[in-house]
Amino acid sequence: AADAPKINALRWLGSHNSYRPDLDP
C-alpha cells in the first residue's frame, strides 16, 4: 500500500474557463 502510486503522480489535461460556451459566428 505504501508503494502504491499516489495521485500526485497522475497527469491531468484540463480546460480553462470550462463554463464559457462555444463561440458560433
PDB file of all heavy atoms in Angstrom:
ATOM      1  N   ALA A   1       0.834  -1.210   0.000  1.00  0.00           N
ATOM      2  CA  ALA A   1       0.000   0.000   0.000  1.00  0.00           C
ATOM      3  C   ALA A   1       0.860   1.247   0.000  1.00  0.00           C
ATOM      4  O   ALA A   1       0.543   2.242  -0.662  1.00  0.00           O
ATOM      5  CB  ALA A   1      -0.927  -0.013   1.216  1.00  0.00           C
ATOM      6  N   ALA A   2       1.971   1.204   0.758  1.00  0.00           N
ATOM      7  CA  ALA A   2       2.852   2.371   0.821  1.00  0.00           C
ATOM      8  C   ALA A   2       3.505   2.642  -0.523  1.00  0.00           C
ATOM      9  O   ALA A   2       3.804   3.792  -0.856  1.00  0.00           O
ATOM     10  CB  ALA A   2       3.912   2.150   1.894  1.00  0.00           C
ATOM     11  N   ASP A   3       3.742   1.591  -1.287  1.00  0.00           N
ATOM     12  CA  ASP A   3       4.388   1.732  -2.589  1.00  0.00           C
ATOM     13  C   ASP A   3       3.393   2.031  -3.715  1.00  0.00           C
ATOM     14  O   ASP A   3       3.805   2.305  -4.839  1.00  0.00           O
ATOM     15  CB  ASP A   3       5.157   0.447  -2.935  1.00  0.00           C
ATOM     16  CG  ASP A   3       6.359   0.246  -2.015  1.00  0.00           C
ATOM     17  OD1 ASP A   3       6.820   1.246  -1.444  1.00  0.00           O
ATOM     18  OD2 ASP A   3       6.806  -0.906  -1.866  1.00  0.00           O
ATOM     19  N   ALA A   4       2.097   1.941  -3.428  1.00  0.00           N
ATOM     20  CA  ALA A   4       1.095   2.173  -4.463  1.00  0.00           C
ATOM     21  C   ALA A   4       1.190   3.610  -4.961  1.00  0.00           C
ATOM     22  O   ALA A   4       1.369   4.535  -4.161  1.00  0.00           O
ATOM     23  CB  ALA A   4      -0.300   1.897  -3.904  1.00  0.00           C
ATOM     24  N   PRO A   5       1.098   3.824  -6.262  1.00  0.00           N
ATOM     25  CA  PRO A   5       1.226   5.188  -6.795  1.00  0.00           C
ATOM     26  C   PRO A   5       0.125   6.106  -6.270  1.00  0.00           C
ATOM     27  O   PRO A   5      -1.042   5.721  -6.214  1.00  0.00           O
ATOM     28  CB  PRO A   5       1.124   4.987  -8.306  1.00  0.00           C
ATOM     29  CG  PRO A   5       0.446   3.661  -8.487  1.00  0.00           C
ATOM     30  CD  PRO A   5       0.854   2.830  -7.317  1.00  0.00           C
ATOM     31  N   LYS A   6       0.525   7.322  -5.902  1.00  0.00           N
ATOM     32  CA  LYS A   6      -0.408   8.310  -5.369  1.00  0.00           C
ATOM     33  C   LYS A   6      -0.895   9.229  -6.485  1.00  0.00           C
ATOM     34  O   LYS A   6      -0.339   9.261  -7.584  1.00  0.00           O
ATOM     35  CB  LYS A   6       0.292   9.135  -4.277  1.00  0.00           C
ATOM     36  CG  LYS A   6       0.871   8.303  -3.129  1.00  0.00           C
ATOM     37  CD  LYS A   6      -0.216   7.634  -2.322  1.00  0.00           C
ATOM     38  CE  LYS A   6       0.327   6.860  -1.126  1.00  0.00           C
ATOM     39  NZ  LYS A   6       0.850   7.735  -0.077  1.00  0.00           N
ATOM     40  N   ILE A   7      -1.911  10.017  -6.180  1.00  0.00           N
ATOM     41  CA  ILE A   7      -2.496  10.844  -7.240  1.00  0.00           C
ATOM     42  C   ILE A   7      -1.564  11.968  -7.688  1.00  0.00           C
ATOM     43  O   ILE A   7      -1.728  12.491  -8.797  1.00  0.00           O
ATOM     44  CB  ILE A   7      -3.867  11.431  -6.830  1.00  0.00           C
ATOM     45  CG1 ILE A   7      -3.728  12.372  -5.629  1.00  0.00           C
ATOM     46  CG2 ILE A   7      -4.864  10.330  -6.561  1.00  0.00           C
ATOM     47  CD1 ILE A   7      -4.983  13.198  -5.364  1.00  0.00           C
ATOM     48  N   ASN A   8      -0.590  12.326  -6.872  1.00  0.00           N
ATOM     49  CA  ASN A   8       0.330  13.373  -7.328  1.00  0.00           C
ATOM     50  C   ASN A   8       1.308  12.870  -8.381  1.00  0.00           C
ATOM     51  O   ASN A   8       2.117  13.640  -8.901  1.00  0.00           O
ATOM     52  CB  ASN A   8       1.084  14.001  -6.149  1.00  0.00           C
ATOM     53  CG  ASN A   8       1.891  13.002  -5.352  1.00  0.00           C
ATOM     54  OD1 ASN A   8       1.394  11.921  -5.016  1.00  0.00           O
ATOM     55  ND2 ASN A   8       3.127  13.346  -5.042  1.00  0.00           N
ATOM     56  N   ALA A   9       1.197  11.580  -8.733  1.00  0.00           N
ATOM     57  CA  ALA A   9       1.956  11.040  -9.863  1.00  0.00           C
ATOM     58  C   ALA A   9       1.114  10.999 -11.142  1.00  0.00           C
ATOM     59  O   ALA A   9       1.619  10.629 -12.202  1.00  0.00           O
ATOM     60  CB  ALA A   9       2.462   9.630  -9.536  1.00  0.00           C
ATOM     61  N   LEU A  10      -0.145  11.395 -11.042  1.00  0.00           N
ATOM     62  CA  LEU A  10      -1.016  11.424 -12.213  1.00  0.00           C
ATOM     63  C   LEU A  10      -0.753  12.672 -13.044  1.00  0.00           C
ATOM     64  O   LEU A  10      -0.112  13.615 -12.605  1.00  0.00           O
ATOM     65  CB  LEU A  10      -2.488  11.405 -11.786  1.00  0.00           C
ATOM     66  CG  LEU A  10      -3.039  10.092 -11.228  1.00  0.00           C
ATOM     67  CD1 LEU A  10      -4.428  10.324 -10.637  1.00  0.00           C
ATOM     68  CD2 LEU A  10      -3.088   9.015 -12.313  1.00  0.00           C
ATOM     69  N   ARG A  11      -1.317  12.675 -14.261  1.00  0.00           N
ATOM     70  CA  ARG A  11      -1.274  13.849 -15.122  1.00  0.00           C
ATOM     71  C   ARG A  11      -2.699  14.129 -15.592  1.00  0.00           C
ATOM     72  O   ARG A  11      -3.419  13.222 -16.002  1.00  0.00           O
ATOM     73  CB  ARG A  11      -0.361  13.633 -16.327  1.00  0.00           C
ATOM     74  CG  ARG A  11       1.110  13.411 -15.968  1.00  0.00           C
ATOM     75  CD  ARG A  11       1.724  14.665 -15.379  1.00  0.00           C
ATOM     76  NE  ARG A  11       3.129  14.492 -15.021  1.00  0.00           N
ATOM     77  CZ  ARG A  11       3.560  14.119 -13.828  1.00  0.00           C
ATOM     78  NH1 ARG A  11       2.684  13.862 -12.858  1.00  0.00           N
ATOM     79  NH2 ARG A  11       4.846  14.000 -13.586  1.00  0.00           N
ATOM     80  N   TRP A  12      -3.096  15.410 -15.506  1.00  0.00           N
ATOM     81  CA  TRP A  12      -4.434  15.822 -15.927  1.00  0.00           C
ATOM     82  C   TRP A  12      -4.312  16.839 -17.059  1.00  0.00           C
ATOM     83  O   TRP A  12      -3.514  17.789 -16.965  1.00  0.00           O
ATOM     84  CB  TRP A  12      -5.169  16.510 -14.790  1.00  0.00           C
ATOM     85  CG  TRP A  12      -5.626  15.682 -13.639  1.00  0.00           C
ATOM     86  CD1 TRP A  12      -6.854  15.124 -13.469  1.00  0.00           C
ATOM     87  CD2 TRP A  12      -4.899  15.373 -12.429  1.00  0.00           C
ATOM     88  NE1 TRP A  12      -6.934  14.489 -12.248  1.00  0.00           N
ATOM     89  CE2 TRP A  12      -5.740  14.621 -11.599  1.00  0.00           C
ATOM     90  CE3 TRP A  12      -3.596  15.660 -11.984  1.00  0.00           C
ATOM     91  CZ2 TRP A  12      -5.349  14.148 -10.351  1.00  0.00           C
ATOM     92  CZ3 TRP A  12      -3.190  15.185 -10.740  1.00  0.00           C
ATOM     93  CH2 TRP A  12      -4.055  14.442  -9.946  1.00  0.00           C
ATOM     94  N   LEU A  13      -5.116  16.692 -18.095  1.00  0.00           N
ATOM     95  CA  LEU A  13      -5.288  17.745 -19.090  1.00  0.00           C
ATOM     96  C   LEU A  13      -6.615  18.426 -18.782  1.00  0.00           C
ATOM     97  O   LEU A  13      -7.644  17.758 -18.639  1.00  0.00           O
ATOM     98  CB  LEU A  13      -5.298  17.194 -20.510  1.00  0.00           C
ATOM     99  CG  LEU A  13      -5.393  18.257 -21.621  1.00  0.00           C
ATOM    100  CD1 LEU A  13      -4.168  19.170 -21.609  1.00  0.00           C
ATOM    101  CD2 LEU A  13      -5.541  17.600 -22.992  1.00  0.00           C
ATOM    102  N   GLY A  14      -6.580  19.744 -18.649  1.00  0.00           N
ATOM    103  CA  GLY A  14      -7.769  20.456 -18.229  1.00  0.00           C
ATOM    104  C   GLY A  14      -8.196  21.536 -19.198  1.00  0.00           C
ATOM    105  O   GLY A  14      -7.451  21.917 -20.110  1.00  0.00           O
ATOM    106  N   SER A  15      -9.398  22.033 -18.996  1.00  0.00           N
ATOM    107  CA  SER A  15      -9.907  23.159 -19.777  1.00  0.00           C
ATOM    108  C   SER A  15      -9.894  24.416 -18.914  1.00  0.00           C
ATOM    109  O   SER A  15     -10.165  24.367 -17.723  1.00  0.00           O
ATOM    110  CB  SER A  15     -11.318  22.881 -20.299  1.00  0.00           C
ATOM    111  OG  SER A  15     -12.221  22.619 -19.240  1.00  0.00           O
ATOM    112  N   HIS A  16      -9.553  25.523 -19.527  1.00  0.00           N
ATOM    113  CA  HIS A  16      -9.506  26.825 -18.861  1.00  0.00           C
ATOM    114  C   HIS A  16     -10.867  27.499 -19.028  1.00  0.00           C
ATOM    115  O   HIS A  16     -11.454  27.475 -20.110  1.00  0.00           O
ATOM    116  CB  HIS A  16      -8.389  27.664 -19.493  1.00  0.00           C
ATOM    117  CG  HIS A  16      -8.477  29.126 -19.223  1.00  0.00           C
ATOM    118  ND1 HIS A  16      -8.774  30.038 -20.207  1.00  0.00           N
ATOM    119  CD2 HIS A  16      -8.326  29.837 -18.080  1.00  0.00           C
ATOM    120  CE1 HIS A  16      -8.788  31.251 -19.699  1.00  0.00           C
ATOM    121  NE2 HIS A  16      -8.521  31.163 -18.411  1.00  0.00           N
ATOM    122  N   ASN A  17     -11.397  28.077 -17.968  1.00  0.00           N
ATOM    123  CA  ASN A  17     -12.728  28.701 -18.020  1.00  0.00           C
ATOM    124  C   ASN A  17     -13.731  27.751 -18.676  1.00  0.00           C
ATOM    125  O   ASN A  17     -14.374  28.072 -19.683  1.00  0.00           O
ATOM    126  CB  ASN A  17     -12.678  30.042 -18.748  1.00  0.00           C
ATOM    127  CG  ASN A  17     -12.011  31.121 -17.937  1.00  0.00           C
ATOM    128  OD1 ASN A  17     -11.766  30.954 -16.735  1.00  0.00           O
ATOM    129  ND2 ASN A  17     -11.673  32.230 -18.565  1.00  0.00           N
ATOM    130  N   SER A  18     -13.872  26.605 -18.067  1.00  0.00           N
ATOM    131  CA  SER A  18     -14.622  25.490 -18.656  1.00  0.00           C
ATOM    132  C   SER A  18     -16.083  25.799 -18.919  1.00  0.00           C
ATOM    133  O   SER A  18     -16.756  25.088 -19.673  1.00  0.00           O
ATOM    134  CB  SER A  18     -14.539  24.287 -17.713  1.00  0.00           C
ATOM    135  OG  SER A  18     -13.218  24.042 -17.305  1.00  0.00           O
ATOM    136  N   TYR A  19     -16.611  26.848 -18.295  1.00  0.00           N
ATOM    137  CA  TYR A  19     -18.026  27.201 -18.400  1.00  0.00           C
ATOM    138  C   TYR A  19     -18.338  28.089 -19.609  1.00  0.00           C
ATOM    139  O   TYR A  19     -19.509  28.339 -19.915  1.00  0.00           O
ATOM    140  CB  TYR A  19     -18.453  27.953 -17.135  1.00  0.00           C
ATOM    141  CG  TYR A  19     -17.612  29.191 -16.934  1.00  0.00           C
ATOM    142  CD1 TYR A  19     -17.977  30.413 -17.490  1.00  0.00           C
ATOM    143  CD2 TYR A  19     -16.404  29.132 -16.239  1.00  0.00           C
ATOM    144  CE1 TYR A  19     -17.174  31.535 -17.355  1.00  0.00           C
ATOM    145  CE2 TYR A  19     -15.608  30.248 -16.097  1.00  0.00           C
ATOM    146  CZ  TYR A  19     -15.987  31.437 -16.658  1.00  0.00           C
ATOM    147  OH  TYR A  19     -15.180  32.539 -16.550  1.00  0.00           O
ATOM    148  N   ARG A  20     -17.311  28.611 -20.312  1.00  0.00           N
ATOM    149  CA  ARG A  20     -17.575  29.533 -21.429  1.00  0.00           C
ATOM    150  C   ARG A  20     -18.034  28.743 -22.650  1.00  0.00           C
ATOM    151  O   ARG A  20     -17.325  27.875 -23.141  1.00  0.00           O
ATOM    152  CB  ARG A  20     -16.330  30.352 -21.792  1.00  0.00           C
ATOM    153  CG  ARG A  20     -15.922  31.338 -20.731  1.00  0.00           C
ATOM    154  CD  ARG A  20     -14.906  32.350 -21.260  1.00  0.00           C
ATOM    155  NE  ARG A  20     -15.555  33.455 -21.950  1.00  0.00           N
ATOM    156  CZ  ARG A  20     -15.335  33.810 -23.211  1.00  0.00           C
ATOM    157  NH1 ARG A  20     -14.519  33.107 -23.959  1.00  0.00           N
ATOM    158  NH2 ARG A  20     -15.939  34.850 -23.736  1.00  0.00           N
ATOM    159  N   PRO A  21     -19.204  29.053 -23.202  1.00  0.00           N
ATOM    160  CA  PRO A  21     -19.744  28.265 -24.310  1.00  0.00           C
ATOM    161  C   PRO A  21     -18.965  28.482 -25.608  1.00  0.00           C
ATOM    162  O   PRO A  21     -18.232  29.467 -25.775  1.00  0.00           O
ATOM    163  CB  PRO A  21     -21.177  28.800 -24.457  1.00  0.00           C
ATOM    164  CG  PRO A  21     -21.445  29.593 -23.234  1.00  0.00           C
ATOM    165  CD  PRO A  21     -20.124  30.098 -22.753  1.00  0.00           C
ATOM    166  N   ASP A  22     -19.162  27.541 -26.505  1.00  0.00           N
ATOM    167  CA  ASP A  22     -18.601  27.656 -27.849  1.00  0.00           C
ATOM    168  C   ASP A  22     -19.070  28.964 -28.486  1.00  0.00           C
ATOM    169  O   ASP A  22     -20.202  29.407 -28.290  1.00  0.00           O
ATOM    170  CB  ASP A  22     -19.073  26.462 -28.692  1.00  0.00           C
ATOM    171  CG  ASP A  22     -18.434  26.415 -30.058  1.00  0.00           C
ATOM    172  OD1 ASP A  22     -17.503  27.201 -30.322  1.00  0.00           O
ATOM    173  OD2 ASP A  22     -18.869  25.579 -30.871  1.00  0.00           O
ATOM    174  N   LEU A  23     -18.172  29.594 -29.244  1.00  0.00           N
ATOM    175  CA  LEU A  23     -18.497  30.851 -29.923  1.00  0.00           C
ATOM    176  C   LEU A  23     -18.875  30.556 -31.371  1.00  0.00           C
ATOM    177  O   LEU A  23     -18.005  30.352 -32.222  1.00  0.00           O
ATOM    178  CB  LEU A  23     -17.295  31.801 -29.879  1.00  0.00           C
ATOM    179  CG  LEU A  23     -17.034  32.530 -28.560  1.00  0.00           C
ATOM    180  CD1 LEU A  23     -15.676  33.210 -28.600  1.00  0.00           C
ATOM    181  CD2 LEU A  23     -18.120  33.547 -28.279  1.00  0.00           C
ATOM    182  N   ASP A  24     -20.174  30.518 -31.640  1.00  0.00           N
ATOM    183  CA  ASP A  24     -20.594  30.400 -33.040  1.00  0.00           C
ATOM    184  C   ASP A  24     -20.415  31.769 -33.702  1.00  0.00           C
ATOM    185  O   ASP A  24     -20.130  32.768 -33.025  1.00  0.00           O
ATOM    186  CB  ASP A  24     -22.036  29.902 -33.141  1.00  0.00           C
ATOM    187  CG  ASP A  24     -23.034  30.791 -32.417  1.00  0.00           C
ATOM    188  OD1 ASP A  24     -22.834  32.031 -32.391  1.00  0.00           O
ATOM    189  OD2 ASP A  24     -24.006  30.269 -31.868  1.00  0.00           O
ATOM    190  N   PRO A  25     -20.531  31.861 -35.028  1.00  0.00           N
ATOM    191  CA  PRO A  25     -20.273  33.139 -35.699  1.00  0.00           C
ATOM    192  C   PRO A  25     -21.076  34.309 -35.142  1.00  0.00           C
ATOM    193  O   PRO A  25     -20.548  35.418 -34.978  1.00  0.00           O
ATOM    194  CB  PRO A  25     -20.634  32.844 -37.155  1.00  0.00           C
ATOM    195  CG  PRO A  25     -20.349  31.386 -37.320  1.00  0.00           C
ATOM    196  CD  PRO A  25     -20.749  30.763 -36.003  1.00  0.00           C
TER     197      PRO A  25
END
